[in-house]
Amino acid sequence: MDLEKEDQKLTPGRDVLLMGLIQVFVLFIGMYSYMKVTRFQVESTLSIKTSKQNFVKEKEIVNTLPSEVVWNEPASAEKAVREYTEFVVTKRPWLLSLDRIIWGLCFLVPSYFFIRRIARIETAEFTDSAGGRDILAGVATGFATFCFVNVASSLIFFIIGKPQSNYMEIILTKNLFLNWKLLGWTLLAIAFGAGIFEEFFFRGFLLKYFVEKNLSSIGLIITSVIFGVVHFNGGSYVAPILLIFVGFSFGISYLKTGNIWVPVTAHITYNASMLLAGFLLGDRIS
């Protein structure tokens, strides 16, 4: 009898370890797949872009393709990513939506396979309906989170100074000012695309995994930290710290309601608020 009680005490620790290993494995597969596909996307897009430019230049035959991107050399990789980012934002904003679809496939497919099919852990009910109260709760959570993050970041930057933003933020805010076309594509990709796919992954799969084992509090902390770390793409180290709070806020909304569409709505609202601020203020929000 005592041995059974002792075994029950150890079970939560083993569950956390097992879940951690599975989730790290899923994250590795997702990030590795996304990195490989993104590299191909960057190279192919720049290749087509350069070919079209050279075709216009008096039928030049030489240098019709860009030099090969050397991804293990920071200067070469950064130059390619910057050129690709500027081209997408200014010329092909629909590629932002394609990028979110790729992200969703890279992370959600292995999550379903390893968490749902192999580990046999229940996922969030993605077929749940969202009533008016759920939508309002999500909108309120998203907007409140947006306000808090902006006030907190303003105070932090006032104390330590404004750090350098990553290139995507710079080029996006620069071109988003009163640009209806870019606003439409970014709302579709960054607000709705990221809001749906990321919440399905972070809350629908990862957090739900802990909920099923009655480890909601631990899961909330772990998935919030993962949410912040995954979003670090250069620039300020303050950003991922603030995004840990954002993930925490969305996670609580899911734990309180049990409806995945509440954090989805919150995420959409949060991202849309950021984009609308950029649309109205341009790079002044930096």
Protein backbone atom coordinates (compact mmCIF):
# COMPACT_ATOMS: atom_id res chain seq x y z
CA MET A 1 0.00 0.00 0.00
CA ASP A 2 2.81 2.38 0.89
CA LEU A 3 4.59 1.51 -2.33
CA GLU A 4 1.47 2.38 -4.32
CA LYS A 5 1.22 5.77 -2.62
CA GLU A 6 4.90 6.43 -3.25
CA ASP A 7 4.46 5.50 -6.89
CA GLN A 8 1.53 7.89 -7.22
CA LYS A 9 3.66 10.72 -5.81
CA LEU A 10 6.33 10.09 -8.45
CA THR A 11 3.89 9.87 -11.34
CA PRO A 12 3.51 13.67 -11.89
CA GLY A 13 7.28 14.01 -12.16
CA ARG A 14 7.49 11.21 -14.71
CA ASP A 15 4.55 12.68 -16.62
CA VAL A 16 6.21 16.10 -16.82
CA LEU A 17 9.47 14.52 -18.00
CA LEU A 18 7.70 12.40 -20.62
CA MET A 19 5.62 15.30 -21.86
CA GLY A 20 8.69 17.51 -21.94
CA LEU A 21 10.62 15.02 -24.06
CA ILE A 22 7.74 14.54 -26.49
CA GLN A 23 7.13 18.28 -26.82
CA VAL A 24 10.84 19.05 -27.30
CA PHE A 25 10.89 16.38 -30.01
CA VAL A 26 7.82 17.86 -31.70
CA LEU A 27 9.29 21.38 -31.46
CA PHE A 28 12.55 20.17 -32.99
CA ILE A 29 10.77 18.53 -35.91
CA GLY A 30 8.58 21.60 -36.44
CA MET A 31 11.44 24.10 -36.28
CA TYR A 32 13.74 21.97 -38.44
CA SER A 33 11.04 21.42 -41.09
CA TYR A 34 10.04 25.09 -41.07
CA MET A 35 13.66 26.20 -41.38
CA LYS A 36 14.29 23.91 -44.35
CA VAL A 37 11.12 24.90 -46.19
CA THR A 38 11.71 28.59 -45.46
CA ARG A 39 15.23 28.40 -46.84
CA PHE A 40 13.92 26.84 -50.03
CA GLN A 41 11.20 29.50 -50.20
CA VAL A 42 13.72 32.32 -49.77
CA GLU A 43 16.12 30.91 -52.37
CA SER A 44 13.44 30.16 -54.97
CA THR A 45 11.71 33.54 -54.52
CA LEU A 46 14.97 35.48 -54.85
CA SER A 47 15.94 33.38 -57.86
CA ILE A 48 12.69 34.14 -59.67
CA LYS A 49 12.88 37.80 -58.65
CA THR A 50 16.42 38.20 -59.98
CA SER A 51 15.65 36.32 -63.18
CA LYS A 52 12.75 38.65 -63.98
CA GLN A 53 14.85 41.73 -63.24
CA ASN A 54 17.66 40.59 -65.52
CA PHE A 55 15.24 39.63 -68.28
CA VAL A 56 14.11 43.25 -68.45
CA LYS A 57 17.72 44.49 -68.63
CA GLU A 58 18.37 44.19 -72.37
CA LYS A 59 18.17 40.41 -72.37
CA GLU A 60 21.27 40.00 -70.25
CA ILE A 61 22.36 36.36 -70.10
CA VAL A 62 25.05 36.64 -67.46
CA ASN A 63 24.16 36.64 -63.78
CA THR A 64 20.52 35.71 -64.30
CA LEU A 65 20.49 33.94 -60.94
CA PRO A 66 21.57 35.29 -57.58
CA SER A 67 24.71 33.89 -55.99
CA GLU A 68 23.98 30.84 -53.83
CA VAL A 69 22.99 31.64 -50.27
CA VAL A 70 25.51 30.25 -47.79
CA TRP A 71 23.29 29.67 -44.78
CA ASN A 72 26.12 28.88 -42.38
CA GLU A 73 27.64 32.30 -43.05
CA PRO A 74 25.73 34.99 -41.08
CA ALA A 75 26.41 37.77 -43.59
CA SER A 76 25.11 35.75 -46.55
CA ALA A 77 22.07 34.46 -44.68
CA GLU A 78 21.16 37.88 -43.26
CA LYS A 79 21.47 39.53 -46.69
CA ALA A 80 19.19 36.92 -48.28
CA VAL A 81 16.58 37.13 -45.53
CA ARG A 82 16.54 40.93 -45.65
CA GLU A 83 16.16 40.98 -49.42
CA TYR A 84 13.40 38.37 -49.26
CA THR A 85 11.59 40.21 -46.46
CA GLU A 86 11.64 43.52 -48.29
CA PHE A 87 10.46 41.90 -51.53
CA VAL A 88 7.56 40.12 -49.80
CA VAL A 89 6.38 43.15 -47.84
CA THR A 90 6.63 45.60 -50.74
CA LYS A 91 5.85 43.42 -53.77
CA ARG A 92 4.32 40.06 -52.78
CA PRO A 93 2.47 40.42 -49.46
CA TRP A 94 0.37 37.33 -50.24
CA LEU A 95 3.50 35.27 -49.49
CA LEU A 96 2.97 36.18 -45.84
CA SER A 97 -0.13 33.97 -45.87
CA LEU A 98 1.80 31.14 -47.52
CA ASP A 99 4.42 31.41 -44.78
CA ARG A 100 1.76 30.97 -42.07
CA ILE A 101 0.32 27.94 -43.84
CA ILE A 102 3.79 26.40 -44.02
CA TRP A 103 4.32 27.12 -40.32
CA GLY A 104 1.01 25.46 -39.50
CA LEU A 105 1.83 22.32 -41.47
CA CYS A 106 5.35 22.04 -40.05
CA PHE A 107 4.18 22.24 -36.44
CA LEU A 108 0.63 20.88 -36.40
CA VAL A 109 1.20 17.71 -38.44
CA PRO A 110 3.93 16.29 -36.17
CA SER A 111 1.95 17.46 -33.12
CA TYR A 112 -1.08 15.46 -34.23
CA PHE A 113 1.00 12.45 -35.15
CA PHE A 114 3.14 12.20 -32.00
CA ILE A 115 0.83 13.70 -29.37
CA ARG A 116 -2.57 12.52 -30.54
CA ARG A 117 -1.83 9.31 -32.43
CA ILE A 118 1.21 7.88 -30.65
CA ALA A 119 0.96 9.31 -27.12
CA ARG A 120 -2.85 9.12 -27.37
CA ILE A 121 -3.36 12.39 -25.51
CA GLU A 122 -6.60 14.23 -26.11
CA THR A 123 -6.29 17.54 -27.93
CA ALA A 124 -8.52 20.59 -27.70
CA GLU A 125 -11.95 20.30 -29.29
CA PHE A 126 -11.28 22.22 -32.48
CA THR A 127 -14.88 21.64 -33.56
CA ASP A 128 -16.27 23.54 -30.56
CA SER A 129 -18.57 26.40 -31.42
CA ALA A 130 -17.86 29.90 -30.17
CA GLY A 131 -20.79 31.87 -28.84
CA GLY A 132 -21.06 35.60 -28.38
CA ARG A 133 -19.69 35.46 -24.84
CA ASP A 134 -16.68 33.44 -25.99
CA ILE A 135 -15.92 35.92 -28.76
CA LEU A 136 -16.27 38.88 -26.39
CA ALA A 137 -14.04 37.16 -23.83
CA GLY A 138 -11.40 36.57 -26.48
CA VAL A 139 -11.57 40.14 -27.81
CA ALA A 140 -11.35 41.56 -24.27
CA THR A 141 -8.39 39.31 -23.41
CA GLY A 142 -6.55 40.16 -26.61
CA PHE A 143 -7.04 43.91 -26.32
CA ALA A 144 -6.19 43.98 -22.60
CA THR A 145 -3.01 42.01 -23.34
CA PHE A 146 -2.14 44.43 -26.16
CA CYS A 147 -2.55 47.44 -23.84
CA PHE A 148 -0.50 45.86 -21.06
CA VAL A 149 2.35 44.86 -23.36
CA ASN A 150 2.59 48.33 -24.88
CA VAL A 151 2.56 50.06 -21.49
CA ALA A 152 5.10 47.60 -20.07
CA SER A 153 7.41 47.85 -23.08
CA SER A 154 7.24 51.67 -22.99
CA LEU A 155 8.30 51.67 -19.34
CA ILE A 156 11.08 49.14 -19.95
CA PHE A 157 12.41 50.99 -22.99
CA PHE A 158 12.28 54.29 -21.09
CA ILE A 159 14.59 52.77 -18.48
CA ILE A 160 17.01 50.75 -20.63
CA GLY A 161 16.62 52.56 -23.96
CA LYS A 162 15.00 51.41 -27.19
CA PRO A 163 16.79 48.35 -28.58
CA GLN A 164 17.16 47.56 -32.27
CA SER A 165 14.06 45.94 -33.80
CA ASN A 166 14.38 42.97 -36.12
CA TYR A 167 14.29 43.70 -39.85
CA MET A 168 10.80 42.31 -40.37
CA GLU A 169 9.36 44.75 -37.82
CA ILE A 170 11.28 47.65 -39.36
CA ILE A 171 10.27 47.03 -42.98
CA LEU A 172 6.68 46.15 -42.06
CA THR A 173 5.97 49.25 -39.98
CA LYS A 174 7.71 51.40 -42.58
CA ASN A 175 5.42 50.18 -45.39
CA LEU A 176 2.21 49.55 -43.46
CA PHE A 177 1.34 53.22 -42.89
CA LEU A 178 -2.07 53.86 -44.58
CA ASN A 179 -1.39 50.93 -46.94
CA TRP A 180 -4.76 49.17 -47.30
CA LYS A 181 -3.45 46.35 -49.48
CA LEU A 182 -0.66 45.45 -47.09
CA LEU A 183 -3.02 45.79 -44.12
CA GLY A 184 -5.42 43.31 -45.70
CA TRP A 185 -2.75 40.69 -46.34
CA THR A 186 -1.13 41.12 -42.93
CA LEU A 187 -4.49 40.83 -41.17
CA LEU A 188 -5.13 37.60 -43.06
CA ALA A 189 -1.66 36.17 -42.42
CA ILE A 190 -0.42 37.62 -39.15
CA ALA A 191 -3.71 38.16 -37.35
CA PHE A 192 -5.91 35.26 -38.50
CA GLY A 193 -3.26 32.84 -39.80
CA ALA A 194 -0.91 33.13 -36.85
CA GLY A 195 -3.81 33.42 -34.40
CA ILE A 196 -5.40 30.16 -35.50
CA PHE A 197 -2.34 28.01 -36.22
CA GLU A 198 -0.32 29.10 -33.20
CA GLU A 199 -3.18 28.69 -30.75
CA PHE A 200 -3.99 25.25 -32.13
CA PHE A 201 -0.35 24.30 -31.52
CA PHE A 202 0.51 26.01 -28.22
CA ARG A 203 -2.82 25.73 -26.44
CA GLY A 204 -4.68 23.08 -28.45
CA PHE A 205 -1.86 20.52 -28.41
CA LEU A 206 0.87 21.49 -25.93
CA LEU A 207 -1.17 22.97 -23.07
CA LYS A 208 -4.01 20.48 -23.49
CA TYR A 209 -1.41 17.74 -23.09
CA PHE A 210 -0.75 18.94 -19.50
CA VAL A 211 -4.44 19.53 -18.80
CA GLU A 212 -5.19 15.89 -19.55
CA LYS A 213 -2.65 14.89 -16.88
CA ASN A 214 -4.04 17.36 -14.31
CA LEU A 215 -0.88 19.47 -14.54
CA SER A 216 -2.47 22.66 -15.84
CA SER A 217 -0.38 25.09 -13.78
CA ILE A 218 2.94 23.55 -14.76
CA GLY A 219 1.78 23.30 -18.35
CA LEU A 220 0.74 26.95 -18.39
CA ILE A 221 4.21 28.07 -17.33
CA ILE A 222 6.09 25.73 -19.67
CA THR A 223 4.01 26.48 -22.77
CA SER A 224 4.12 30.22 -22.09
CA VAL A 225 7.92 30.13 -21.93
CA ILE A 226 8.05 28.07 -25.13
CA PHE A 227 5.70 30.57 -26.79
CA GLY A 228 8.04 33.45 -25.94
CA VAL A 229 11.23 31.66 -26.94
CA VAL A 230 9.88 30.42 -30.28
CA HIS A 231 8.93 34.00 -31.21
CA PHE A 232 12.46 35.34 -30.72
CA ASN A 233 13.76 36.21 -34.19
CA GLY A 234 16.42 38.77 -33.47
CA GLY A 235 16.19 42.29 -32.15
CA SER A 236 15.35 42.95 -28.52
CA TYR A 237 15.56 40.27 -25.84
CA VAL A 238 12.76 42.13 -24.09
CA ALA A 239 10.28 41.02 -26.77
CA PRO A 240 10.30 37.27 -25.97
CA ILE A 241 10.02 38.08 -22.25
CA LEU A 242 6.90 40.13 -22.92
CA LEU A 243 5.60 37.41 -25.21
CA ILE A 244 5.89 34.92 -22.37
CA PHE A 245 3.27 37.05 -20.62
CA VAL A 246 1.20 37.09 -23.84
CA GLY A 247 1.29 33.30 -23.97
CA PHE A 248 0.41 33.17 -20.27
CA SER A 249 -2.60 35.40 -20.88
CA PHE A 250 -3.86 33.31 -23.79
CA GLY A 251 -3.23 30.12 -21.80
CA ILE A 252 -5.29 31.32 -18.85
CA SER A 253 -8.16 32.21 -21.19
CA TYR A 254 -8.13 28.62 -22.43
CA LEU A 255 -7.92 27.07 -18.97
CA LYS A 256 -10.77 29.25 -17.70
CA THR A 257 -13.13 28.57 -20.59
CA GLY A 258 -12.05 25.22 -22.01
CA ASN A 259 -12.85 26.57 -25.47
CA ILE A 260 -9.91 26.86 -27.88
CA TRP A 261 -11.65 29.62 -29.83
CA VAL A 262 -11.32 32.03 -26.89
CA PRO A 263 -7.48 32.18 -27.06
CA VAL A 264 -7.71 32.08 -30.86
CA THR A 265 -9.91 35.19 -30.79
CA ALA A 266 -7.60 36.79 -28.21
CA HIS A 267 -4.56 36.10 -30.39
CA ILE A 268 -6.28 37.48 -33.50
CA THR A 269 -7.32 40.60 -31.58
CA TYR A 270 -3.83 41.11 -30.17
CA ASN A 271 -2.08 40.80 -33.54
CA ALA A 272 -4.74 42.86 -35.32
CA SER A 273 -4.32 45.64 -32.76
CA MET A 274 -0.58 45.72 -33.45
CA LEU A 275 -1.18 45.87 -37.20
CA LEU A 276 -3.81 48.59 -36.94
CA ALA A 277 -1.41 50.63 -34.80
CA GLY A 278 1.20 50.27 -37.55
CA PHE A 279 -1.37 51.18 -40.20
CA LEU A 280 -2.32 54.38 -38.40
CA LEU A 281 1.10 55.38 -37.04
CA GLY A 282 3.63 53.76 -39.37
CA ASP A 283 7.16 53.49 -38.05
CA ARG A 284 6.30 55.98 -35.31
CA ILE A 285 5.18 53.02 -33.18
CA SER A 286 8.85 51.97 -33.05
